[in-house]
C-alpha atoms as a PDB file:
ATOM      1  CA  MET A   1      91.736  89.852  99.681  1.00  0.00           C
ATOM      2  CA  ASN A   2      90.505  90.121 103.322  1.00  0.00           C
ATOM      3  CA  VAL A   3      90.009  93.894 103.501  1.00  0.00           C
ATOM      4  CA  ILE A   4      89.981  94.904  99.848  1.00  0.00           C
ATOM      5  CA  TRP A   5      86.802  96.325  99.665  1.00  0.00           C
ATOM      6  CA  ARG A   6      87.741  98.650 102.659  1.00  0.00           C
ATOM      7  CA  THR A   7      91.077  99.365 101.017  1.00  0.00           C
ATOM      8  CA  LEU A   8      89.023 100.626  98.191  1.00  0.00           C
ATOM      9  CA  LEU A   9      86.661 102.761 100.035  1.00  0.00           C
ATOM     10  CA  VAL A  10      89.873 104.300 102.055  1.00  0.00           C
ATOM     11  CA  ILE A  11      91.415 105.126  99.086  1.00  0.00           C
ATOM     12  CA  LEU A  12      88.619 106.648  97.215  1.00  0.00           C
ATOM     13  CA  SER A  13      87.485 108.397 100.316  1.00  0.00           C
ATOM     14  CA  ALA A  14      91.136 109.598 100.929  1.00  0.00           C
ATOM     15  CA  ARG A  15      91.381 111.007  97.207  1.00  0.00           C
ATOM     16  CA  ARG A  16      87.901 112.691  97.903  1.00  0.00           C
ATOM     17  CA  ARG A  17      89.269 114.450 100.941  1.00  0.00           C
ATOM     18  CA  VAL A  18      92.333 115.875  98.698  1.00  0.00           C
ATOM     19  CA  ARG A  19      90.063 117.056  96.239  1.00  0.00           C
ATOM     20  CA  ARG A  20      88.222 118.982  98.921  1.00  0.00           C
ATOM     21  CA  GLY A  21      91.553 120.575 100.356  1.00  0.00           C
ATOM     22  CA  LYS A  22      91.697 118.395 103.150  1.00  0.00           C
ATOM     23  CA  THR A  23      95.498 117.228 102.819  1.00  0.00           C
ATOM     24  CA  LEU A  24      97.780 116.535 105.567  1.00  0.00           C
ATOM     25  CA  ASP A  25     101.111 118.022 106.905  1.00  0.00           C
ATOM     26  CA  ALA A  26     103.680 115.315 107.234  1.00  0.00           C
ATOM     27  CA  SER A  27     103.752 115.562 111.207  1.00  0.00           C
ATOM     28  CA  ALA A  28      99.569 115.523 111.286  1.00  0.00           C
ATOM     29  CA  VAL A  29      97.672 112.563 112.355  1.00  0.00           C
ATOM     30  CA  SER A  30      95.447 111.269 109.987  1.00  0.00           C
ATOM     31  CA  SER A  31      92.283 109.534 111.263  1.00  0.00           C
ATOM     32  CA  ILE A  32      89.460 107.409 109.524  1.00  0.00           C
ATOM     33  CA  ARG A  33      86.321 105.711 111.090  1.00  0.00           C
ATOM     34  CA  LEU A  34      85.720 101.847 110.998  1.00  0.00           C
ATOM     35  CA  THR A  35      83.102  99.690 112.642  1.00  0.00           C
ATOM     36  CA  THR A  36      84.212  96.046 114.068  1.00  0.00           C
ATOM     37  CA  LEU A  37      82.439  93.622 111.221  1.00  0.00           C
ATOM     38  CA  PRO A  38      81.623  90.016 111.564  1.00  0.00           C
ATOM     39  CA  THR A  39      84.563  89.342 109.519  1.00  0.00           C
ATOM     40  CA  ASP A  40      86.918  90.746 111.869  1.00  0.00           C
ATOM     41  CA  ILE A  41      86.022  89.089 115.028  1.00  0.00           C
ATOM     42  CA  ASP A  42      87.355  85.557 116.042  1.00  0.00           C
ATOM     43  CA  ILE A  43      85.992  82.515 118.083  1.00  0.00           C
ATOM     44  CA  LEU A  44      86.063  84.796 121.450  1.00  0.00           C
ATOM     45  CA  ARG A  45      84.007  87.350 119.844  1.00  0.00           C
ATOM     46  CA  HIS A  46      86.117  90.240 119.838  1.00  0.00           C
ATOM     47  CA  MET A  47      88.605  91.463 117.029  1.00  0.00           C
ATOM     48  CA  ASN A  48      90.953  88.876 115.749  1.00  0.00           C
ATOM     49  CA  ASN A  49      94.731  90.216 116.697  1.00  0.00           C
ATOM     50  CA  GLY A  50      95.702  89.551 113.179  1.00  0.00           C
ATOM     51  CA  ARG A  51      92.894  92.068 111.849  1.00  0.00           C
ATOM     52  CA  TYR A  52      94.306  94.740 113.600  1.00  0.00           C
ATOM     53  CA  LEU A  53      97.304  95.014 111.387  1.00  0.00           C
ATOM     54  CA  SER A  54      95.125  94.628 108.318  1.00  0.00           C
ATOM     55  CA  LEU A  55      92.845  97.608 109.446  1.00  0.00           C
ATOM     56  CA  PHE A  56      95.845  99.724 110.302  1.00  0.00           C
ATOM     57  CA  ASP A  57      97.082  99.401 106.900  1.00  0.00           C
ATOM     58  CA  LEU A  58      93.890 101.466 105.740  1.00  0.00           C
ATOM     59  CA  GLY A  59      95.077 104.345 108.283  1.00  0.00           C
ATOM     60  CA  ARG A  60      98.562 104.009 106.062  1.00  0.00           C
ATOM     61  CA  TRP A  61      96.693 104.166 102.891  1.00  0.00           C
ATOM     62  CA  ASP A  62      94.883 107.626 104.147  1.00  0.00           C
ATOM     63  CA  LEU A  63      97.958 109.118 105.415  1.00  0.00           C
ATOM     64  CA  LEU A  64     100.174 108.318 102.442  1.00  0.00           C
ATOM     65  CA  ILE A  65      97.520 109.745  99.844  1.00  0.00           C
ATOM     66  CA  ARG A  66      96.434 112.827 102.269  1.00  0.00           C
ATOM     67  CA  THR A  67     100.316 113.795 102.943  1.00  0.00           C
ATOM     68  CA  GLY A  68     100.820 113.615  98.949  1.00  0.00           C
ATOM     69  CA  LEU A  69     103.496 110.760  99.531  1.00  0.00           C
ATOM     70  CA  PHE A  70     101.799 108.216  97.809  1.00  0.00           C
ATOM     71  CA  ASP A  71     101.473 110.130  94.445  1.00  0.00           C
ATOM     72  CA  ALA A  72     104.997 110.958  94.960  1.00  0.00           C
ATOM     73  CA  MET A  73     106.022 107.662  95.256  1.00  0.00           C
ATOM     74  CA  ASN A  74     103.980 106.262  92.564  1.00  0.00           C
ATOM     75  CA  GLY A  75     105.375 108.782  90.071  1.00  0.00           C
ATOM     76  CA  ARG A  76     108.950 107.405  90.850  1.00  0.00           C
ATOM     77  CA  GLY A  77     107.974 103.943  90.662  1.00  0.00           C
ATOM     78  CA  TRP A  78     108.616 103.461  94.395  1.00  0.00           C
ATOM     79  CA  TYR A  79     106.117 101.343  96.845  1.00  0.00           C
ATOM     80  CA  ALA A  80     106.630 101.070 100.691  1.00  0.00           C
ATOM     81  CA  VAL A  81     106.893  97.449 102.527  1.00  0.00           C
ATOM     82  CA  VAL A  82     106.628  97.162 106.235  1.00  0.00           C
ATOM     83  CA  SER A  83     110.087  95.630 107.413  1.00  0.00           C
ATOM     84  CA  SER A  84     109.085  95.403 110.829  1.00  0.00           C
ATOM     85  CA  GLU A  85     105.927  95.896 113.275  1.00  0.00           C
ATOM     86  CA  THR A  86     105.111  95.600 117.038  1.00  0.00           C
ATOM     87  CA  VAL A  87     101.550  95.808 118.358  1.00  0.00           C
ATOM     88  CA  THR A  88     100.316  96.295 122.128  1.00  0.00           C
ATOM     89  CA  PHE A  89      96.761  95.450 123.073  1.00  0.00           C
ATOM     90  CA  ARG A  90      95.061  97.134 125.613  1.00  0.00           C
ATOM     91  CA  LYS A  91      91.280  96.588 125.390  1.00  0.00           C
ATOM     92  CA  SER A  92      89.152  94.385 122.976  1.00  0.00           C
ATOM     93  CA  LEU A  93      87.083  96.102 120.294  1.00  0.00           C
ATOM     94  CA  GLN A  94      83.757  93.935 119.850  1.00  0.00           C
ATOM     95  CA  LEU A  95      81.441  93.155 117.258  1.00  0.00           C
ATOM     96  CA  TRP A  96      79.758  96.405 115.557  1.00  0.00           C
ATOM     97  CA  GLN A  97      81.805  98.731 117.796  1.00  0.00           C
ATOM     98  CA  ARG A  98      82.704 102.124 116.216  1.00  0.00           C
ATOM     99  CA  PHE A  99      86.282 102.899 116.669  1.00  0.00           C
ATOM    100  CA  GLU A 100      89.048 105.586 114.874  1.00  0.00           C
ATOM    101  CA  VAL A 101      92.557 104.303 113.218  1.00  0.00           C
ATOM    102  CA  GLN A 102      94.808 107.271 114.107  1.00  0.00           C
ATOM    103  CA  SER A 103      97.856 107.154 112.049  1.00  0.00           C
ATOM    104  CA  ARG A 104     101.290 109.507 112.137  1.00  0.00           C
ATOM    105  CA  PHE A 105     104.517 109.382 111.083  1.00  0.00           C
ATOM    106  CA  ILE A 106     107.025 109.440 113.974  1.00  0.00           C
ATOM    107  CA  GLY A 107     110.433 109.632 112.676  1.00  0.00           C
ATOM    108  CA  HIS A 108     113.214 107.819 110.605  1.00  0.00           C
ATOM    109  CA  ASP A 109     116.242 106.162 111.074  1.00  0.00           C
ATOM    110  CA  ASP A 110     118.979 105.686 108.420  1.00  0.00           C
ATOM    111  CA  LYS A 111     117.152 103.388 106.393  1.00  0.00           C
ATOM    112  CA  ALA A 112     113.228 103.298 106.965  1.00  0.00           C
ATOM    113  CA  VAL A 113     110.537 105.566 108.327  1.00  0.00           C
ATOM    114  CA  PHE A 114     108.484 104.762 111.087  1.00  0.00           C
ATOM    115  CA  LEU A 115     104.796 105.222 111.889  1.00  0.00           C
ATOM    116  CA  GLU A 116     102.610 104.855 114.715  1.00  0.00           C
ATOM    117  CA  HIS A 117      98.894 103.395 114.431  1.00  0.00           C
ATOM    118  CA  ARG A 118      96.309 103.546 117.140  1.00  0.00           C
ATOM    119  CA  ALA A 119      92.736 102.138 117.596  1.00  0.00           C
ATOM    120  CA  VAL A 120      90.578 104.863 119.383  1.00  0.00           C
ATOM    121  CA  VAL A 121      87.501 104.524 121.200  1.00  0.00           C
ATOM    122  CA  ASP A 122      86.142 107.800 122.613  1.00  0.00           C
ATOM    123  CA  GLY A 123      89.692 109.350 122.941  1.00  0.00           C
ATOM    124  CA  GLU A 124      90.958 106.139 124.456  1.00  0.00           C
ATOM    125  CA  ILE A 125      93.534 104.138 122.909  1.00  0.00           C
ATOM    126  CA  TYR A 126      92.840 100.103 122.614  1.00  0.00           C
ATOM    127  CA  ALA A 127      95.598  99.055 120.646  1.00  0.00           C
ATOM    128  CA  ARG A 128      98.775 100.971 119.258  1.00  0.00           C
ATOM    129  CA  VAL A 129     101.374  99.276 116.852  1.00  0.00           C
ATOM    130  CA  ILE A 130     104.751 100.823 115.690  1.00  0.00           C
ATOM    131  CA  VAL A 131     105.758 100.139 112.069  1.00  0.00           C
ATOM    132  CA  ARG A 132     109.285 100.627 110.417  1.00  0.00           C
ATOM    133  CA  SER A 133     108.675 100.792 106.550  1.00  0.00           C
ATOM    134  CA  ARG A 134     111.281 100.717 103.695  1.00  0.00           C
ATOM    135  CA  MET A 135     111.007 102.272 100.421  1.00  0.00           C
ATOM    136  CA  LEU A 136     111.668  99.766  97.250  1.00  0.00           C
ATOM    137  CA  ARG A 137     111.943 100.398  93.564  1.00  0.00           C
ATOM    138  CA  ARG A 138     109.557  98.518  91.333  1.00  0.00           C
ATOM    139  CA  SER A 139     112.446  97.889  89.164  1.00  0.00           C
ATOM    140  CA  GLY A 140     114.561  96.351  92.235  1.00  0.00           C
ATOM    141  CA  GLY A 141     116.376  97.758  95.139  1.00  0.00           C
ATOM    142  CA  THR A 142     115.937 100.186  97.820  1.00  0.00           C
ATOM    143  CA  VAL A 143     115.193 103.716  97.807  1.00  0.00           C
ATOM    144  CA  SER A 144     117.579 105.454 100.483  1.00  0.00           C
ATOM    145  CA  ASN A 145     115.993 108.086 102.873  1.00  0.00           C
ATOM    146  CA  GLU A 146     118.293 110.585 101.317  1.00  0.00           C
ATOM    147  CA  GLU A 147     116.745 109.922  98.113  1.00  0.00           C
ATOM    148  CA  LEU A 148     113.336 109.906  99.673  1.00  0.00           C
ATOM    149  CA  PHE A 149     113.855 113.257 101.212  1.00  0.00           C
ATOM    150  CA  ALA A 150     115.300 115.020  98.233  1.00  0.00           C
ATOM    151  CA  ALA A 151     112.409 113.835  96.257  1.00  0.00           C
ATOM    152  CA  VAL A 152     109.394 114.465  98.708  1.00  0.00           C
ATOM    153  CA  GLY A 153     111.274 116.934 101.018  1.00  0.00           C
ATOM    154  CA  LYS A 154     112.275 116.112 104.442  1.00  0.00           C
ATOM    155  CA  PRO A 155     109.074 116.563 106.770  1.00  0.00           C
ATOM    156  CA  GLU A 156     109.372 119.141 109.729  1.00  0.00           C
ATOM    157  CA  GLY A 157     107.699 118.644 112.970  1.00  0.00           C
ATOM    158  CA  VAL A 158     107.854 114.933 112.789  1.00  0.00           C
ATOM    159  CA  PRO A 159     108.804 114.001 116.621  1.00  0.00           C
ATOM    160  CA  GLU A 160     111.886 112.153 117.809  1.00  0.00           C
ATOM    161  CA  ILE A 161     111.443 108.406 117.892  1.00  0.00           C
ATOM    162  CA  ASP A 162     111.462 107.055 121.322  1.00  0.00           C
ATOM    163  CA  PRO A 163     114.977 105.322 122.135  1.00  0.00           C
ATOM    164  CA  TRP A 164     113.331 101.925 122.698  1.00  0.00           C
ATOM    165  CA  VAL A 165     111.883 102.101 119.184  1.00  0.00           C
ATOM    166  CA  HIS A 166     115.510 102.108 117.793  1.00  0.00           C
ATOM    167  CA  ASP A 167     116.494  99.455 120.227  1.00  0.00           C
ATOM    168  CA  TRP A 168     113.434  97.148 118.957  1.00  0.00           C
ATOM    169  CA  ALA A 169     114.041  97.666 115.336  1.00  0.00           C
ATOM    170  CA  ALA A 170     117.564  96.712 115.793  1.00  0.00           C
ATOM    171  CA  ALA A 171     116.693  93.705 118.096  1.00  0.00           C
ATOM    172  CA  SER A 172     114.302  92.166 115.825  1.00  0.00           C
ATOM    173  CA  ALA A 173     115.791  92.751 112.582  1.00  0.00           C
ATOM    174  CA  LEU A 174     116.447  89.452 110.485  1.00  0.00           C
ATOM    175  CA  PRO A 175     119.668  89.220 108.102  1.00  0.00           C
ATOM    176  CA  SER A 176     119.720  91.125 104.951  1.00  0.00           C
ATOM    177  CA  VAL A 177     118.126  89.246 101.970  1.00  0.00           C
ATOM    178  CA  ARG A 178     121.796  89.026 100.711  1.00  0.00           C
ATOM    179  CA  SER A 179     122.812  87.181 103.718  1.00  0.00           C
ATOM    180  CA  SER A 180     121.996  83.474 104.790  1.00  0.00           C
ATOM    181  CA  ALA A 181     119.082  83.348 107.084  1.00  0.00           C
ATOM    182  CA  PRO A 182     118.803  79.396 107.941  1.00  0.00           C
ATOM    183  CA  SER A 183     115.919  78.405 110.519  1.00  0.00           C
ATOM    184  CA  VAL A 184     117.872  76.591 113.192  1.00  0.00           C
ATOM    185  CA  TRP A 185     115.922  76.251 116.598  1.00  0.00           C
ATOM    186  CA  SER A 186     117.788  76.090 119.600  1.00  0.00           C
END
């Protein structure tokens, strides 16, 4: 609920942009403008590190809606979940500072699609997150990339994923939900 009103505004804005013909190709960069609000900052008076991830979700909504992927997924009873993400901070966003959230699909592996989100001020990157996302069925189970691409088309022009992203995804993966994953500290 922490960003529900912003989410609703982004969804409505993205729908309005689609109606006005401002759709996006799957390889395009989505951009939304935001402002750092008092509810976004922490005791150190800059944007809380956890809030970046919540606000990058807003960029994902805009991207999914404007590329048409959200409607295609919703019509099939599919939804996307984040399976892993990594964030790098460069500069802090301050109270009332205006910034853009730029979002783009950056590729896929055999199980997931990857996105990149950036917090940008005056053309300069302040923070970046790489997201690995899986598609699930509301009825249960996962949607394979083959099924996803068969339904919505395989996007052209999406860049190759940097090798470190594949290494990170493999290194940070937890066991399957069908496997045991005891919390044992060494």
